[in-house]
Amino acid sequence: MSTTAPEGHLIAEMGVIETTESDNVLHWDGDNLYVEQDVYHNGQLVHRKYRRRVTKQVAQALVKILAQH
């Protein structure tokens, strides 16, 4: 399984560095297009399979690509 782990970013209010890992597989639940991510604070897993919605711009780009095929 291929995962991405972008550089962490500081959440100053919480005093943690947040990182995520995702297999970048798009999911559709009938209402939302999303990817599942594992979210870590200072290296400790805090959310497993967190659903992060795909942005409107990404969804529009995918519609254009799919319409061409």
Protein backbone atom coordinates (compact mmCIF):
# COMPACT_ATOMS: atom_id res chain seq x y z
CA MET A 1 0.00 0.00 0.00
CA SER A 2 1.40 3.36 -1.02
CA THR A 3 1.10 6.12 1.54
CA THR A 4 1.98 9.76 1.62
CA ALA A 5 3.29 11.52 4.69
CA PRO A 6 3.58 15.25 4.16
CA GLU A 7 5.74 17.33 6.43
CA GLY A 8 4.07 17.93 9.74
CA HIS A 9 2.66 21.29 10.66
CA LEU A 10 2.55 22.90 14.06
CA ILE A 11 -0.81 23.42 15.74
CA ALA A 12 0.32 26.07 18.19
CA GLU A 13 -2.93 26.16 20.19
CA MET A 14 -2.51 22.47 21.02
CA GLY A 15 1.29 22.40 21.15
CA VAL A 16 1.50 19.48 18.70
CA ILE A 17 2.95 18.73 15.30
CA GLU A 18 0.30 17.11 13.12
CA THR A 19 1.17 14.68 10.35
CA THR A 20 -1.06 12.51 8.18
CA GLU A 21 -0.75 9.32 6.18
CA SER A 22 -3.07 8.39 3.33
CA ASP A 23 -3.21 5.78 0.59
CA ASN A 24 -4.81 8.49 -1.60
CA VAL A 25 -7.74 6.28 -2.59
CA LEU A 26 -10.85 8.31 -3.43
CA HIS A 27 -14.05 7.19 -1.72
CA TRP A 28 -17.64 8.23 -2.41
CA ASP A 29 -20.34 7.87 0.27
CA GLY A 30 -23.21 9.09 -1.90
CA ASP A 31 -22.77 12.69 -0.77
CA ASN A 32 -19.06 13.39 -0.38
CA LEU A 33 -15.86 12.54 -2.20
CA TYR A 34 -13.07 11.95 0.31
CA VAL A 35 -9.78 10.24 1.14
CA GLU A 36 -9.16 8.39 4.37
CA GLN A 37 -6.20 9.53 6.42
CA ASP A 38 -4.56 8.51 9.65
CA VAL A 39 -3.82 11.64 11.69
CA TYR A 40 -0.93 11.80 14.15
CA HIS A 41 -0.09 14.35 16.85
CA ASN A 42 3.59 14.26 17.82
CA GLY A 43 3.79 10.79 16.26
CA GLN A 44 0.84 9.35 18.19
CA LEU A 45 -2.21 8.17 16.22
CA VAL A 46 -5.25 10.29 17.13
CA HIS A 47 -7.66 9.57 14.22
CA ARG A 48 -7.78 6.35 12.21
CA LYS A 49 -9.36 6.58 8.76
CA TYR A 50 -10.28 10.24 9.21
CA ARG A 51 -12.40 11.33 6.24
CA ARG A 52 -10.94 14.41 4.58
CA ARG A 53 -13.19 15.79 1.88
CA VAL A 54 -11.71 16.49 -1.52
CA THR A 55 -11.74 20.18 -2.38
CA LYS A 56 -14.26 21.55 -4.85
CA GLN A 57 -11.46 22.35 -7.32
CA VAL A 58 -10.15 18.77 -7.24
CA ALA A 59 -13.65 17.36 -7.66
CA GLN A 60 -14.29 19.67 -10.64
CA ALA A 61 -11.00 18.61 -12.25
CA LEU A 62 -11.95 14.94 -11.82
CA VAL A 63 -15.35 15.54 -13.41
CA LYS A 64 -13.63 17.10 -16.45
CA ILE A 65 -11.23 14.15 -16.74
CA LEU A 66 -14.00 11.60 -16.44
CA ALA A 67 -16.21 13.41 -18.96
CA GLN A 68 -13.45 13.06 -21.58
CA HIS A 69 -13.53 9.27 -21.41
